[in-house]
Amino acid sequence: MHQRPVPGSRPRYRGAFVLWLTLAALPVAGQMMGPLTGQSLFFNQASNPHGNSLAANAGLLYNSNVSYTANGTSATLALVGLSGNITHQGPRLDYHLTSDIAVVKYLNGAFPTEPSGYLDAGAELQIVPGFFSWIVQNTYSEVQINPYVPVTTNNIEHINNFSTGPRFTLRPTLRTSVTLEGTYSYVSGSAPAEFVNFDSQRYRGSLEAERAFSSTSSLYVLGSYEKVDFKDQVDNNNFSLGEAAAGYRLSDSRTALDISGGYSKIRVEDVLVPVHSIIGVVEERETQTFGGATWNFNLSRLITPSQRVALFGGQQYTDAATALRASFNQPGSGIAPTQLAAGGPFQYRTFGASWRFEALRTTLDVSVLASRSRFLVISPLTPDSNSKLANVALARQLGPVLTWDIGASYQRWNSIGAQVPINGQASWNMFTAFTNLQWRVGERLGLRFLYARTSQLGVGSNQVGIIASYDLISVARQASAELPQLLPTSPASLQSPQP
């Protein structure tokens, strides 16, 4: 059940995600999104420009130890990609895009050419403005396959989550709105047949009623039901999830607050359980029901014109595909721990904080996060786990065309109550330090010279690269005499509402 490869046994889907997301993050890229590992640090956050941005990029990267083993081999990668964060709200069409994705080729031919990175895009078409619209969203990211060995190019599975469906909005009074949504989703994974098969169809309906107290604050209640049917029902368990919650929202020029509490009920089908009989202990399949309280707290606040703090936490019942998508819509600095390649639902709890400082020439980001995952159906290779992360990134403008970045990240992961496979470790640390120099060659053209040092399970790797970027959307760069206009929310949290 839920088989995992040993290191080096996965010839397909060698995600360049492992190296590329650490190094190829360009000045115009979006917030830190998706699973955060020692190779996917999204340190581009410190020097992000304000407003919409989109750039094509290409470059070469060298990694001295792509397998993170004692006698690991080196590799040179060529990449062509797209990075940016775009948000648009119009009378007929709203859309958003957060991307740091590339097609990567290993020049020695060891691994196949493939897309790697992350992308979250969505749109809402107003068919009958103010009443009936159609929503579409696609999220692409990666999860870790084997939690007991280093996160390397053969230990990542790609997941794509596509959703579409209608949205109806009723306004019985000037201050009251009722929103009804129905979505169909298809989740697909990239792993061969012997690994976890994420392919599944999902049907979700939700109803939300909101009462506005003022132009900035409102109270809401919501309910939803989702049914998940897997293509592979041998190693996966179909499940359904019902949720009900009530909450309060506040949004003004300095503060973004969302706090809610509720309850979830989950039914997991065909769970193998031991049963005592006259012939001994046998396994039978039965449907099991789980339930528990859920809560959410997100606060982002401008404490000065140049400083923003964010506090966030929550407890929810989810699965890997849904958790990946949720990480794209946090206020403040968005960071997310490593998600495991498990199809089953789990209880997910997080606590975190971030601080961002922006001056005329200096930007500093500090983020910390603690999380825990408790699977409803236990498997030795999808263990309950705790994770802690800490990130710091500093950007300094050295001159009109030169910017220097430096940063570091630390993550600790440990499993709870699971049998550790041979050659695996029940806990591990990952540390990465990086520095790079950005050179604006022209109004739209830039070069980035990169170096990073990553250590996993006591094994290190050096990474060196050069990336060229071309701004497809010209970013309005601030004059040196202007103060930065820091917002109470990050670019990702300004996106259109998620389906």
Protein backbone atom coordinates (compact mmCIF):
# COMPACT_ATOMS: atom_id res chain seq x y z
CA MET A 1 0.00 0.00 0.00
CA HIS A 2 1.41 3.40 -0.99
CA GLN A 3 4.69 2.02 -2.27
CA ARG A 4 7.74 4.28 -2.30
CA PRO A 5 11.00 3.92 -4.22
CA VAL A 6 14.41 3.48 -2.72
CA PRO A 7 16.89 6.22 -3.69
CA GLY A 8 17.85 6.00 -7.32
CA SER A 9 15.02 3.64 -8.30
CA ARG A 10 12.86 6.20 -10.05
CA PRO A 11 14.13 6.77 -13.61
CA ARG A 12 11.12 8.91 -14.54
CA TYR A 13 9.97 12.31 -13.32
CA ARG A 14 13.33 13.53 -12.05
CA GLY A 15 12.03 16.95 -11.02
CA ALA A 16 14.51 19.75 -11.55
CA PHE A 17 12.31 21.34 -8.92
CA VAL A 18 14.97 20.17 -6.47
CA LEU A 19 17.55 22.64 -7.76
CA TRP A 20 15.69 25.07 -9.88
CA LEU A 21 13.25 26.48 -7.33
CA THR A 22 16.14 27.33 -5.05
CA LEU A 23 18.11 29.23 -7.65
CA ALA A 24 15.94 30.28 -10.56
CA ALA A 25 13.61 32.59 -8.61
CA LEU A 26 13.83 35.92 -10.44
CA PRO A 27 13.22 39.43 -9.11
CA VAL A 28 9.77 39.42 -10.65
CA ALA A 29 8.65 36.10 -9.21
CA GLY A 30 5.73 35.66 -6.83
CA GLN A 31 5.55 34.95 -3.13
CA MET A 32 6.94 31.83 -1.45
CA MET A 33 4.45 29.17 -2.45
CA GLY A 34 3.99 25.47 -2.54
CA PRO A 35 5.96 22.87 -0.55
CA LEU A 36 9.02 24.39 1.06
CA THR A 37 12.12 22.19 1.08
CA GLY A 38 15.85 22.69 1.10
CA GLN A 39 15.76 22.99 -2.68
CA SER A 40 12.59 25.10 -3.06
CA LEU A 41 13.23 28.15 -0.94
CA PHE A 42 11.62 30.90 -3.05
CA PHE A 43 14.15 33.44 -1.72
CA ASN A 44 13.04 35.80 -4.47
CA GLN A 45 10.55 37.21 -1.97
CA ALA A 46 12.87 39.84 -0.51
CA SER A 47 13.38 41.75 -3.76
CA ASN A 48 9.89 41.42 -5.24
CA PRO A 49 8.69 44.50 -7.12
CA HIS A 50 5.23 45.90 -6.39
CA GLY A 51 2.35 45.34 -8.77
CA ASN A 52 1.83 42.85 -11.58
CA SER A 53 4.91 41.23 -13.07
CA LEU A 54 5.65 38.46 -15.55
CA ALA A 55 8.99 37.40 -16.98
CA ALA A 56 10.42 34.74 -19.27
CA ASN A 57 13.71 33.33 -18.08
CA ALA A 58 16.44 31.00 -19.28
CA GLY A 59 19.74 29.88 -17.86
CA LEU A 60 22.24 27.23 -16.82
CA LEU A 61 22.59 25.69 -13.35
CA TYR A 62 25.25 23.39 -11.91
CA ASN A 63 24.65 21.11 -8.90
CA SER A 64 27.64 19.30 -7.38
CA ASN A 65 25.53 16.51 -5.81
CA VAL A 66 22.07 16.00 -7.27
CA SER A 67 21.44 12.75 -5.36
CA TYR A 68 22.60 14.00 -1.92
CA THR A 69 24.62 10.85 -1.27
CA ALA A 70 28.18 10.40 -0.04
CA ASN A 71 29.47 9.79 -3.58
CA GLY A 72 26.81 11.70 -5.47
CA THR A 73 27.21 12.84 -9.05
CA SER A 74 27.05 16.38 -10.42
CA ALA A 75 24.83 17.68 -13.21
CA THR A 76 24.33 20.78 -15.34
CA LEU A 77 20.77 21.84 -16.18
CA ALA A 78 19.36 24.14 -18.84
CA LEU A 79 15.99 25.75 -18.22
CA VAL A 80 13.39 27.93 -19.91
CA GLY A 81 10.57 29.18 -17.72
CA LEU A 82 7.97 31.71 -16.69
CA SER A 83 7.86 33.59 -13.39
CA GLY A 84 5.45 36.19 -12.10
CA ASN A 85 2.40 37.25 -10.17
CA ILE A 86 -0.57 38.81 -11.98
CA THR A 87 -3.96 39.87 -10.62
CA HIS A 88 -6.77 41.53 -12.59
CA GLN A 89 -10.33 42.41 -11.64
CA GLY A 90 -12.66 43.68 -14.37
CA PRO A 91 -16.39 44.09 -14.98
CA ARG A 92 -16.62 40.80 -16.86
CA LEU A 93 -13.45 38.86 -16.09
CA ASP A 94 -11.26 38.38 -13.02
CA TYR A 95 -8.07 36.35 -13.21
CA HIS A 96 -4.83 35.67 -11.37
CA LEU A 97 -1.54 33.88 -12.03
CA THR A 98 1.24 32.96 -9.61
CA SER A 99 4.04 31.07 -11.33
CA ASP A 100 7.64 29.92 -10.97
CA ILE A 101 7.76 27.12 -13.54
CA ALA A 102 10.22 25.95 -16.18
CA VAL A 103 11.00 23.22 -18.65
CA VAL A 104 14.32 21.70 -17.54
CA LYS A 105 16.80 19.61 -19.51
CA TYR A 106 19.75 17.71 -18.01
CA LEU A 107 22.58 18.26 -20.48
CA ASN A 108 24.14 14.88 -19.72
CA GLY A 109 20.86 13.19 -20.67
CA ALA A 110 20.57 11.37 -17.36
CA PHE A 111 16.98 12.43 -16.72
CA PRO A 112 14.11 13.27 -19.08
CA THR A 113 13.18 16.82 -20.03
CA GLU A 114 10.09 17.91 -18.11
CA PRO A 115 8.29 20.91 -16.58
CA SER A 116 9.06 21.60 -12.94
CA GLY A 117 8.10 24.18 -10.35
CA TYR A 118 4.72 25.53 -9.37
CA LEU A 119 1.85 27.39 -10.99
CA ASP A 120 -1.52 28.56 -9.70
CA ALA A 121 -3.94 30.22 -12.13
CA GLY A 122 -7.63 31.01 -11.95
CA ALA A 123 -10.35 32.99 -13.68
CA GLU A 124 -13.96 33.99 -13.08
CA LEU A 125 -16.12 34.92 -16.09
CA GLN A 126 -19.19 37.02 -15.28
CA ILE A 127 -21.89 35.56 -17.52
CA VAL A 128 -24.66 37.51 -15.77
CA PRO A 129 -22.72 40.17 -13.83
CA GLY A 130 -23.47 40.12 -10.13
CA PHE A 131 -25.50 36.89 -10.31
CA PHE A 132 -24.03 34.06 -12.40
CA SER A 133 -20.38 33.39 -13.20
CA TRP A 134 -18.16 30.50 -14.20
CA ILE A 135 -14.93 29.74 -12.34
CA VAL A 136 -11.81 27.87 -13.48
CA GLN A 137 -8.65 27.14 -11.51
CA ASN A 138 -5.52 25.06 -12.11
CA THR A 139 -2.80 24.39 -9.55
CA TYR A 140 0.46 22.56 -10.31
CA SER A 141 3.02 21.72 -7.64
CA GLU A 142 5.03 18.86 -6.09
CA VAL A 143 4.99 16.59 -3.05
CA GLN A 144 7.69 14.47 -1.43
CA ILE A 145 7.39 10.73 -2.10
CA ASN A 146 9.57 9.11 0.57
CA PRO A 147 9.72 11.13 3.81
CA TYR A 148 12.66 9.15 5.22
CA VAL A 149 15.32 10.00 2.63
CA PRO A 150 16.63 13.32 1.22
CA VAL A 151 14.43 15.41 -1.05
CA THR A 152 16.16 14.79 -4.35
CA THR A 153 15.22 14.76 -8.01
CA ASN A 154 13.92 11.17 -7.75
CA ASN A 155 11.85 11.83 -4.63
CA ILE A 156 9.31 14.34 -5.97
CA GLU A 157 5.89 13.69 -7.51
CA HIS A 158 4.13 16.29 -9.64
CA ILE A 159 0.45 16.96 -8.92
CA ASN A 160 -2.00 18.93 -11.06
CA ASN A 161 -5.40 20.00 -9.68
CA PHE A 162 -7.93 21.36 -12.21
CA SER A 163 -11.35 22.69 -11.10
CA THR A 164 -14.28 24.29 -12.87
CA GLY A 165 -17.93 25.03 -12.17
CA PRO A 166 -20.68 27.64 -11.73
CA ARG A 167 -21.01 30.29 -9.04
CA PHE A 168 -24.32 31.99 -8.18
CA THR A 169 -24.52 35.13 -6.05
CA LEU A 170 -27.76 36.39 -4.52
CA ARG A 171 -28.17 39.71 -2.71
CA PRO A 172 -31.45 39.70 -0.77
CA THR A 173 -30.48 43.00 0.94
CA LEU A 174 -27.86 45.68 0.40
CA ARG A 175 -25.72 44.20 3.18
CA THR A 176 -26.37 40.49 2.67
CA SER A 177 -25.00 38.15 0.02
CA VAL A 178 -25.45 34.43 -0.53
CA THR A 179 -22.97 32.54 -2.72
CA LEU A 180 -23.57 29.03 -4.07
CA GLU A 181 -20.82 27.12 -5.87
CA GLY A 182 -20.54 23.73 -7.49
CA THR A 183 -17.20 22.51 -8.84
CA TYR A 184 -15.84 19.45 -10.56
CA SER A 185 -12.11 18.77 -10.06
CA TYR A 186 -9.68 16.33 -11.58
CA VAL A 187 -6.42 15.67 -9.75
CA SER A 188 -3.63 13.86 -11.59
CA GLY A 189 -0.17 12.74 -10.53
CA SER A 190 2.96 11.97 -12.51
CA ALA A 191 4.20 8.82 -10.77
CA PRO A 192 4.42 5.41 -12.51
CA ALA A 193 1.92 2.72 -11.57
CA GLU A 194 3.97 1.29 -8.69
CA PHE A 195 3.80 4.56 -6.75
CA VAL A 196 0.93 6.50 -5.22
CA ASN A 197 -1.69 7.22 -7.87
CA PHE A 198 -3.29 10.60 -7.16
CA ASP A 199 -5.68 10.44 -10.13
CA SER A 200 -9.10 11.26 -8.76
CA GLN A 201 -12.38 13.01 -9.49
CA ARG A 202 -13.82 15.42 -6.96
CA TYR A 203 -17.29 16.90 -6.66
CA ARG A 204 -17.78 19.83 -4.31
CA GLY A 205 -20.69 22.06 -3.39
CA SER A 206 -20.57 25.03 -1.02
CA LEU A 207 -22.94 27.67 0.33
CA GLU A 208 -21.82 30.89 2.04
CA ALA A 209 -23.97 33.66 3.52
CA GLU A 210 -22.26 36.95 4.44
CA ARG A 211 -23.61 39.96 6.33
CA ALA A 212 -21.67 43.23 6.04
CA PHE A 213 -21.44 45.49 9.09
CA SER A 214 -19.56 48.17 7.16
CA SER A 215 -17.51 48.56 3.99
CA THR A 216 -14.57 46.84 5.73
CA SER A 217 -16.05 44.17 8.04
CA SER A 218 -18.51 41.29 7.75
CA LEU A 219 -19.75 38.12 9.44
CA TYR A 220 -20.21 34.91 7.45
CA VAL A 221 -21.39 31.30 7.76
CA LEU A 222 -20.54 28.58 5.28
CA GLY A 223 -21.07 24.93 4.60
CA SER A 224 -19.53 22.57 2.05
CA TYR A 225 -19.51 18.94 0.99
CA GLU A 226 -16.88 17.21 -1.15
CA LYS A 227 -16.75 13.66 -2.54
CA VAL A 228 -13.37 12.25 -3.66
CA ASP A 229 -13.26 9.16 -5.94
CA PHE A 230 -9.83 7.73 -6.77
CA LYS A 231 -9.02 5.94 -9.99
CA ASP A 232 -6.89 3.47 -8.01
CA GLN A 233 -9.09 2.19 -5.18
CA VAL A 234 -6.70 -0.56 -4.07
CA ASP A 235 -4.04 1.64 -2.48
CA ASN A 236 -6.34 4.64 -1.96
CA ASN A 237 -9.54 5.08 0.00
CA ASN A 238 -12.41 7.13 -1.40
CA PHE A 239 -13.66 9.65 1.11
CA SER A 240 -16.18 12.43 1.63
CA LEU A 241 -15.76 15.58 3.67
CA GLY A 242 -18.50 17.81 5.09
CA GLU A 243 -17.69 21.13 6.76
CA ALA A 244 -19.60 23.91 8.51
CA ALA A 245 -18.06 27.10 9.92
CA ALA A 246 -18.76 30.70 10.94
CA GLY A 247 -16.31 33.57 10.84
CA TYR A 248 -15.49 37.27 10.75
CA ARG A 249 -13.58 39.25 8.11
CA LEU A 250 -11.97 42.69 8.29
CA SER A 251 -10.07 44.38 5.49
CA ASP A 252 -8.90 47.99 5.34
CA SER A 253 -5.81 49.94 4.28
CA ARG A 254 -3.72 48.56 7.18
CA THR A 255 -5.30 45.29 8.27
CA ALA A 256 -6.46 41.99 6.78
CA LEU A 257 -8.15 39.67 9.28
CA ASP A 258 -10.08 36.41 8.82
CA ILE A 259 -11.03 34.31 11.85
CA SER A 260 -13.40 31.34 11.84
CA GLY A 261 -14.38 28.17 13.68
CA GLY A 262 -16.42 25.12 12.78
CA TYR A 263 -16.67 21.34 12.55
CA SER A 264 -15.75 18.73 9.92
CA LYS A 265 -16.98 15.17 9.39
CA ILE A 266 -15.09 12.71 7.19
CA ARG A 267 -16.19 9.30 5.92
CA VAL A 268 -13.37 7.07 4.62
CA GLU A 269 -14.46 4.03 2.61
CA ASP A 270 -13.02 0.50 2.50
CA VAL A 271 -10.54 0.83 5.35
CA LEU A 272 -8.71 -2.41 6.16
CA VAL A 273 -9.17 -3.26 9.85
CA PRO A 274 -8.13 -6.36 11.83
CA VAL A 275 -11.04 -8.52 12.98
CA HIS A 276 -10.82 -11.45 15.42
CA SER A 277 -12.56 -14.60 14.22
CA ILE A 278 -12.54 -18.29 14.98
CA ILE A 279 -9.74 -18.78 12.46
CA GLY A 280 -7.65 -15.97 13.90
CA VAL A 281 -7.13 -12.33 13.02
CA VAL A 282 -8.27 -11.41 9.51
CA GLU A 283 -8.57 -8.11 7.70
CA GLU A 284 -11.90 -6.77 6.55
CA ARG A 285 -12.91 -3.54 4.85
CA GLU A 286 -15.30 -1.11 6.47
CA THR A 287 -16.32 2.54 6.26
CA GLN A 288 -14.96 4.66 9.09
CA THR A 289 -16.21 8.07 10.21
CA PHE A 290 -14.04 10.76 11.75
CA GLY A 291 -14.87 14.25 12.97
CA GLY A 292 -13.40 17.19 14.80
CA ALA A 293 -13.28 20.92 15.32
CA THR A 294 -11.75 23.21 12.72
CA TRP A 295 -10.53 26.78 13.08
CA ASN A 296 -8.63 29.40 11.15
CA PHE A 297 -6.86 32.63 12.09
CA ASN A 298 -5.15 34.92 9.56
CA LEU A 299 -4.01 38.42 10.51
CA SER A 300 -1.79 40.71 8.47
CA ARG A 301 -1.16 44.23 9.77
CA LEU A 302 0.90 47.24 8.73
CA ILE A 303 2.49 48.39 11.98
CA THR A 304 4.34 51.21 10.19
CA PRO A 305 4.34 52.33 6.53
CA SER A 306 7.44 50.18 6.01
CA GLN A 307 6.71 47.14 8.24
CA ARG A 308 4.14 44.37 7.97
CA VAL A 309 3.57 41.53 10.45
CA ALA A 310 1.43 38.48 9.87
CA LEU A 311 0.16 35.85 12.31
CA PHE A 312 -1.62 32.76 11.04
CA GLY A 313 -2.75 29.39 12.27
CA GLY A 314 -5.46 26.83 11.84
CA GLN A 315 -6.71 23.29 12.05
CA GLN A 316 -8.47 21.59 9.18
CA TYR A 317 -9.15 18.19 7.63
CA THR A 318 -7.69 17.98 4.15
CA ASP A 319 -5.56 15.93 1.77
CA ALA A 320 -2.30 16.64 -0.08
CA ALA A 321 -3.86 18.06 -3.27
CA THR A 322 -6.14 20.46 -1.37
CA ALA A 323 -3.40 21.51 1.06
CA LEU A 324 -1.11 22.47 -1.81
CA ARG A 325 -3.77 24.73 -3.30
CA ALA A 326 -4.57 26.34 0.06
CA SER A 327 -0.95 27.43 0.50
CA PHE A 328 -1.33 29.88 -2.39
CA ASN A 329 -3.71 32.19 -0.52
CA GLN A 330 -2.15 33.22 2.79
CA PRO A 331 -1.87 36.83 3.94
CA GLY A 332 1.60 38.11 4.63
CA SER A 333 4.51 35.92 3.58
CA GLY A 334 3.25 32.58 2.34
CA ILE A 335 5.34 29.60 3.44
CA ALA A 336 4.31 25.97 3.41
CA PRO A 337 5.93 22.80 4.78
CA THR A 338 6.73 19.72 2.75
CA GLN A 339 3.64 17.70 1.83
CA LEU A 340 3.84 13.92 1.49
CA ALA A 341 2.60 11.91 -1.49
CA ALA A 342 -0.40 10.41 0.30
CA GLY A 343 -3.90 10.20 -1.10
CA GLY A 344 -5.71 9.88 2.22
CA PRO A 345 -7.16 12.67 4.36
CA PHE A 346 -5.41 13.97 7.47
CA GLN A 347 -5.82 16.51 10.25
CA TYR A 348 -3.53 19.45 9.52
CA ARG A 349 -2.58 22.08 12.11
CA THR A 350 -0.32 25.09 11.56
CA PHE A 351 1.03 28.07 13.49
CA GLY A 352 3.19 30.75 11.92
CA ALA A 353 4.35 34.35 11.83
CA SER A 354 6.21 36.62 9.44
CA TRP A 355 7.70 40.10 9.39
CA ARG A 356 8.53 42.18 6.31
CA PHE A 357 10.48 45.43 6.30
CA GLU A 358 10.87 47.69 3.27
CA ALA A 359 13.08 50.78 3.06
CA LEU A 360 14.31 52.79 0.09
CA ARG A 361 17.12 50.34 -0.69
CA THR A 362 16.66 47.44 1.72
CA THR A 363 14.02 44.70 2.09
CA LEU A 364 14.00 42.06 4.81
CA ASP A 365 11.69 39.05 5.27
CA VAL A 366 11.59 36.73 8.28
CA SER A 367 9.12 33.81 8.53
CA VAL A 368 8.60 30.90 10.94
CA LEU A 369 6.11 28.04 10.77
CA ALA A 370 5.27 24.96 12.83
CA SER A 371 2.90 22.28 11.50
CA ARG A 372 1.62 18.82 12.34
CA SER A 373 -0.14 16.19 10.23
CA ARG A 374 -2.21 13.34 11.67
CA PHE A 375 -3.45 10.84 9.07
CA LEU A 376 -6.88 9.32 9.60
CA VAL A 377 -5.81 6.01 8.05
CA ILE A 378 -2.32 5.13 9.24
CA SER A 379 0.35 3.72 6.92
CA PRO A 380 4.07 3.26 7.74
CA LEU A 381 5.06 5.36 4.73
CA THR A 382 2.50 8.12 5.32
CA PRO A 383 3.38 8.76 8.95
CA ASP A 384 2.04 11.32 11.35
CA SER A 385 4.63 14.06 11.50
CA ASN A 386 5.70 17.40 12.95
CA SER A 387 7.59 20.04 11.01
CA LYS A 388 9.28 23.35 11.85
CA LEU A 389 10.56 25.93 9.38
CA ALA A 390 12.43 29.23 9.59
CA ASN A 391 13.39 31.53 6.71
CA VAL A 392 15.18 34.84 6.41
CA ALA A 393 15.87 36.79 3.19
CA LEU A 394 17.57 40.17 2.74
CA ALA A 395 17.76 42.28 -0.42
CA ARG A 396 19.94 45.38 -0.77
CA GLN A 397 20.02 47.72 -3.75
CA LEU A 398 23.70 48.44 -4.38
CA GLY A 399 23.08 50.89 -7.21
CA PRO A 400 20.64 51.83 -9.93
CA VAL A 401 21.08 48.46 -11.71
CA LEU A 402 22.54 46.13 -9.06
CA THR A 403 20.72 44.29 -6.25
CA TRP A 404 22.29 41.81 -3.82
CA ASP A 405 20.28 39.07 -2.06
CA ILE A 406 21.28 36.80 0.81
CA GLY A 407 19.21 34.35 2.82
CA ALA A 408 18.94 31.11 4.72
CA SER A 409 16.32 28.46 5.51
CA TYR A 410 16.08 25.69 8.09
CA GLN A 411 13.53 22.86 8.30
CA ARG A 412 13.21 20.02 10.79
CA TRP A 413 10.85 17.09 10.15
CA ASN A 414 10.15 14.11 12.39
CA SER A 415 7.72 11.22 12.11
CA ILE A 416 5.46 10.14 14.97
CA GLY A 417 4.83 6.49 15.76
CA ALA A 418 5.81 5.00 12.39
CA GLN A 419 8.19 2.18 11.53
CA VAL A 420 11.21 3.62 9.74
CA PRO A 421 12.30 1.81 6.54
CA ILE A 422 15.82 0.47 6.12
CA ASN A 423 18.33 3.27 5.37
CA GLY A 424 15.76 5.85 6.46
CA GLN A 425 15.68 8.27 9.36
CA ALA A 426 12.67 9.13 11.53
CA SER A 427 13.78 12.76 11.68
CA TRP A 428 15.95 15.01 9.58
CA ASN A 429 17.17 18.58 9.18
CA MET A 430 17.62 20.58 6.00
CA PHE A 431 19.58 23.82 5.81
CA THR A 432 20.22 26.08 2.84
CA ALA A 433 22.12 29.36 2.55
CA PHE A 434 22.22 31.38 -0.66
CA THR A 435 23.45 34.59 -2.18
CA ASN A 436 23.00 36.15 -5.61
CA LEU A 437 23.63 39.32 -7.55
CA GLN A 438 20.96 40.78 -9.83
CA TRP A 439 22.01 43.06 -12.69
CA ARG A 440 19.44 45.05 -14.65
CA VAL A 441 21.08 45.10 -18.08
CA GLY A 442 18.19 47.07 -19.60
CA GLU A 443 14.67 48.24 -18.85
CA ARG A 444 13.30 44.73 -19.37
CA LEU A 445 16.42 42.54 -19.42
CA GLY A 446 18.14 41.23 -16.29
CA LEU A 447 20.87 38.77 -15.28
CA ARG A 448 21.18 36.88 -12.03
CA PHE A 449 24.34 35.20 -10.73
CA LEU A 450 23.55 32.57 -8.09
CA TYR A 451 25.20 30.44 -5.42
CA ALA A 452 23.60 28.20 -2.78
CA ARG A 453 24.76 25.60 -0.29
CA THR A 454 22.28 22.94 0.83
CA SER A 455 22.70 20.22 3.46
CA GLN A 456 20.37 17.24 4.01
CA LEU A 457 20.97 14.40 6.46
CA GLY A 458 24.58 15.50 6.78
CA VAL A 459 25.25 15.50 3.02
CA GLY A 460 25.88 18.81 1.26
CA SER A 461 25.62 20.20 -2.26
CA ASN A 462 26.89 23.37 -3.94
CA GLN A 463 24.76 25.03 -6.60
CA VAL A 464 25.93 27.71 -9.04
CA GLY A 465 24.02 29.29 -11.91
CA ILE A 466 23.32 32.22 -14.21
CA ILE A 467 19.77 33.18 -15.19
CA ALA A 468 18.63 35.71 -17.80
CA SER A 469 15.14 37.23 -17.51
CA TYR A 470 13.02 39.33 -19.82
CA ASP A 471 10.04 41.25 -18.42
CA LEU A 472 6.94 40.43 -20.47
CA ILE A 473 5.05 42.94 -18.34
CA SER A 474 7.05 46.07 -17.64
CA VAL A 475 7.30 46.62 -13.88
CA ALA A 476 6.96 50.20 -12.70
CA ARG A 477 10.13 50.46 -10.61
CA GLN A 478 10.15 53.02 -7.86
CA ALA A 479 12.24 56.15 -8.01
CA SER A 480 14.97 56.38 -5.36
CA ALA A 481 13.24 59.30 -3.65
CA GLU A 482 9.97 57.44 -3.13
CA LEU A 483 9.06 55.37 -0.11
CA PRO A 484 7.83 51.83 -0.92
CA GLN A 485 4.07 51.40 -0.66
CA LEU A 486 3.77 48.27 1.44
CA LEU A 487 0.35 46.57 1.42
CA PRO A 488 -1.30 44.75 4.35
CA THR A 489 -1.46 41.59 2.22
CA SER A 490 0.98 39.76 0.00
CA PRO A 491 0.47 39.59 -3.81
CA ALA A 492 -0.87 36.03 -3.60
CA SER A 493 -3.52 36.94 -1.05
CA LEU A 494 -4.78 39.69 -3.36
CA GLN A 495 -5.87 37.09 -5.88
CA SER A 496 -9.43 36.56 -6.92
CA PRO A 497 -11.43 34.26 -4.60
CA GLN A 498 -10.42 30.63 -4.91
CA PRO A 499 -13.00 28.19 -6.36
